[in-house]
Structure formats: C-alpha cells, structure tokens
Amino acid sequence: MKLVGRAKLVRIHFGENDRWNGRPLYEAIVEEARRQDLAGATVYRGIEGYGASTRIHRKHFLTSSDLPIMVSIVDEEEKIRRFLPHLEAMVKEGLVAVSDVEVIRYVHRAGGAPDGEPGAGGGGQKA
C-alpha cells in the first residue's frame, strides 16, 4: 500500500475502562481498523486528563482510575470516512476528531513481521 501526501488522521479519546462487547474498547477499535485494512493504528495511554465530564482521570497509588486512552489512525480520506460509522457505534462516551495531515513517509517492512518475530527483516531470535 502506498500512502503519501494528503491524508486524514482520526484521534479517538476515551477512558481505559470503556468496553465494546465485553472487550477493551481500544482493542476492538484496533481490530476493526485492521479488518478494514487501514494503514495502521496506535493506542496511547495517558498519564492524566479530563474530557466532557470534567472529572480528572489519573493514576492513584497502586491503582489506576480510568486513565485516558487515545487511538490514532492515519489513512486516505475515503477509508477514514468509511470507518467513522463503526466508531460512532463503538464509542459511547469520548471524543472523535478528524484532521488533515500530510504523509511524508509510510514504509512497510518486507516479510510483514515486526522485529523479533519470525519472518522479520531484522533481529529475530535464532534457533
């Protein structure tokens, strides 16, 4: 897949405790993005934050209190627009924002496996 030039970035903000069909929401979003063959998705866990409820979410001693999560996805506008109805169904509370971006470089490793896994272009364990 070639992705260079104008594209869209979608950022989805919600709480770590949010679920979709019994699973963590961030996992469900990443799996749906992959199923739809989007260029990639990354999940970020925040240290602290608040949203529409204005309740501050932060880590407490030995426990976390619904830490903020952001999923970031970049792809062509058409593919992102097709993905949005799925997000609307999945995200019950939070923020979904779409921005214009310019992709400078998007590179895929030969073999398709990440470093450290069989078939990776670099690294990997030897038997």
Protein backbone atom coordinates (compact mmCIF):
# COMPACT_ATOMS: atom_id res chain seq x y z
CA MET A 1 0.00 0.00 0.00
CA LYS A 2 1.30 3.44 -0.85
CA LEU A 3 0.28 6.32 1.38
CA VAL A 4 1.96 9.63 0.65
CA GLY A 5 0.64 13.18 0.55
CA ARG A 6 -2.77 14.31 1.75
CA ALA A 7 -4.46 12.01 4.24
CA LYS A 8 -6.70 12.09 7.31
CA LEU A 9 -5.82 11.50 10.94
CA VAL A 10 -8.53 10.31 13.29
CA ARG A 11 -7.97 10.51 17.04
CA ILE A 12 -10.33 8.75 19.39
CA HIS A 13 -10.22 9.78 23.07
CA PHE A 14 -11.96 7.78 25.81
CA GLY A 15 -11.36 6.08 29.16
CA GLU A 16 -9.32 2.93 29.73
CA ASN A 17 -12.32 1.23 31.35
CA ASP A 18 -14.55 1.67 28.27
CA ARG A 19 -15.63 -1.61 26.69
CA TRP A 20 -17.16 -2.86 23.45
CA ASN A 21 -18.87 -6.26 23.51
CA GLY A 22 -17.05 -7.18 26.73
CA ARG A 23 -13.57 -6.30 25.45
CA PRO A 24 -11.43 -3.20 25.98
CA LEU A 25 -12.62 -0.54 23.52
CA TYR A 26 -9.09 0.20 22.32
CA GLU A 27 -8.60 -3.45 21.30
CA ALA A 28 -11.91 -3.50 19.45
CA ILE A 29 -11.06 -0.28 17.57
CA VAL A 30 -7.61 -1.53 16.53
CA GLU A 31 -9.01 -4.87 15.38
CA GLU A 32 -11.77 -3.17 13.36
CA ALA A 33 -9.22 -0.82 11.78
CA ARG A 34 -7.10 -3.82 10.80
CA ARG A 35 -10.15 -5.66 9.47
CA GLN A 36 -10.90 -2.66 7.26
CA ASP A 37 -7.27 -2.61 6.04
CA LEU A 38 -6.48 0.85 7.37
CA ALA A 39 -2.82 1.86 7.20
CA GLY A 40 -2.25 1.48 10.96
CA ALA A 41 -3.49 2.26 14.43
CA THR A 42 -1.65 3.13 17.63
CA VAL A 43 -3.01 3.17 21.17
CA TYR A 44 -1.65 5.68 23.70
CA ARG A 45 -2.31 5.57 27.45
CA GLY A 46 -2.28 8.98 29.10
CA ILE A 47 -0.84 9.90 32.45
CA GLU A 48 -3.69 12.24 33.30
CA GLY A 49 -6.55 14.01 31.58
CA TYR A 50 -10.19 15.00 31.54
CA GLY A 51 -12.93 15.27 28.96
CA ALA A 52 -16.56 16.31 28.73
CA SER A 53 -17.33 15.09 32.27
CA THR A 54 -14.55 17.40 33.61
CA ARG A 55 -13.60 14.59 36.02
CA ILE A 56 -9.81 14.25 36.16
CA HIS A 57 -8.54 10.75 35.36
CA ARG A 58 -5.15 9.92 36.86
CA LYS A 59 -3.18 7.08 38.33
CA HIS A 60 -3.58 6.69 42.08
CA PHE A 61 -1.23 4.88 44.40
CA LEU A 62 -1.20 1.20 43.31
CA THR A 63 -4.33 1.63 41.16
CA SER A 64 -5.44 3.49 38.09
CA SER A 65 -8.62 5.47 37.76
CA ASP A 66 -9.87 5.02 34.20
CA LEU A 67 -6.74 6.51 32.60
CA PRO A 68 -7.18 8.43 29.34
CA ILE A 69 -6.70 6.46 26.12
CA MET A 70 -6.17 7.83 22.62
CA VAL A 71 -6.20 5.74 19.47
CA SER A 72 -4.59 7.37 16.45
CA ILE A 73 -5.24 6.19 12.87
CA VAL A 74 -3.97 7.69 9.59
CA ASP A 75 -5.15 6.75 6.11
CA GLU A 76 -6.72 8.08 2.93
CA GLU A 77 -9.79 10.24 3.47
CA GLU A 78 -12.16 7.76 1.81
CA LYS A 79 -11.06 4.89 4.06
CA ILE A 80 -11.27 7.02 7.21
CA ARG A 81 -14.77 8.25 6.24
CA ARG A 82 -15.88 4.61 5.76
CA PHE A 83 -14.51 3.78 9.22
CA LEU A 84 -16.32 6.60 11.07
CA PRO A 85 -19.77 4.91 11.29
CA HIS A 86 -18.11 1.96 13.06
CA LEU A 87 -16.53 4.36 15.55
CA GLU A 88 -19.87 6.08 16.11
CA ALA A 89 -21.37 2.73 17.09
CA MET A 90 -18.43 1.73 19.31
CA VAL A 91 -17.59 4.96 21.17
CA LYS A 92 -20.40 5.71 23.60
CA GLU A 93 -18.51 8.35 25.58
CA GLY A 94 -15.49 10.32 24.41
CA LEU A 95 -14.21 12.39 21.52
CA VAL A 96 -13.59 11.51 17.88
CA ALA A 97 -11.65 14.14 15.91
CA VAL A 98 -10.54 14.08 12.27
CA SER A 99 -7.69 16.26 10.99
CA ASP A 100 -5.95 16.86 7.68
CA VAL A 101 -2.36 15.58 7.60
CA GLU A 102 0.40 15.23 5.06
CA VAL A 103 2.10 11.84 5.00
CA ILE A 104 5.79 12.24 4.27
CA ARG A 105 6.78 8.60 4.53
CA TYR A 106 4.92 5.32 5.11
CA VAL A 107 7.14 2.25 4.87
CA HIS A 108 6.29 -1.40 5.27
CA ARG A 109 8.98 -3.96 6.16
CA ALA A 110 9.46 -6.84 3.74
CA GLY A 111 8.03 -10.04 5.18
CA GLY A 112 5.39 -8.19 7.20
CA ALA A 113 6.57 -9.40 10.63
CA PRO A 114 7.75 -6.98 13.33
CA ASP A 115 11.34 -7.13 14.57
CA GLY A 116 11.88 -10.05 16.89
CA GLU A 117 9.27 -12.29 15.23
CA PRO A 118 9.84 -14.99 12.63
CA GLY A 119 9.96 -13.54 9.13
CA ALA A 120 11.13 -10.12 10.30
CA GLY A 121 13.60 -8.24 8.21
CA GLY A 122 15.88 -7.52 11.17
CA GLY A 123 16.54 -9.00 14.56
CA GLY A 124 14.56 -12.08 15.45
CA GLN A 125 15.69 -14.98 17.55
CA LYS A 126 17.92 -17.67 16.16
CA ALA A 127 17.31 -21.31 16.97
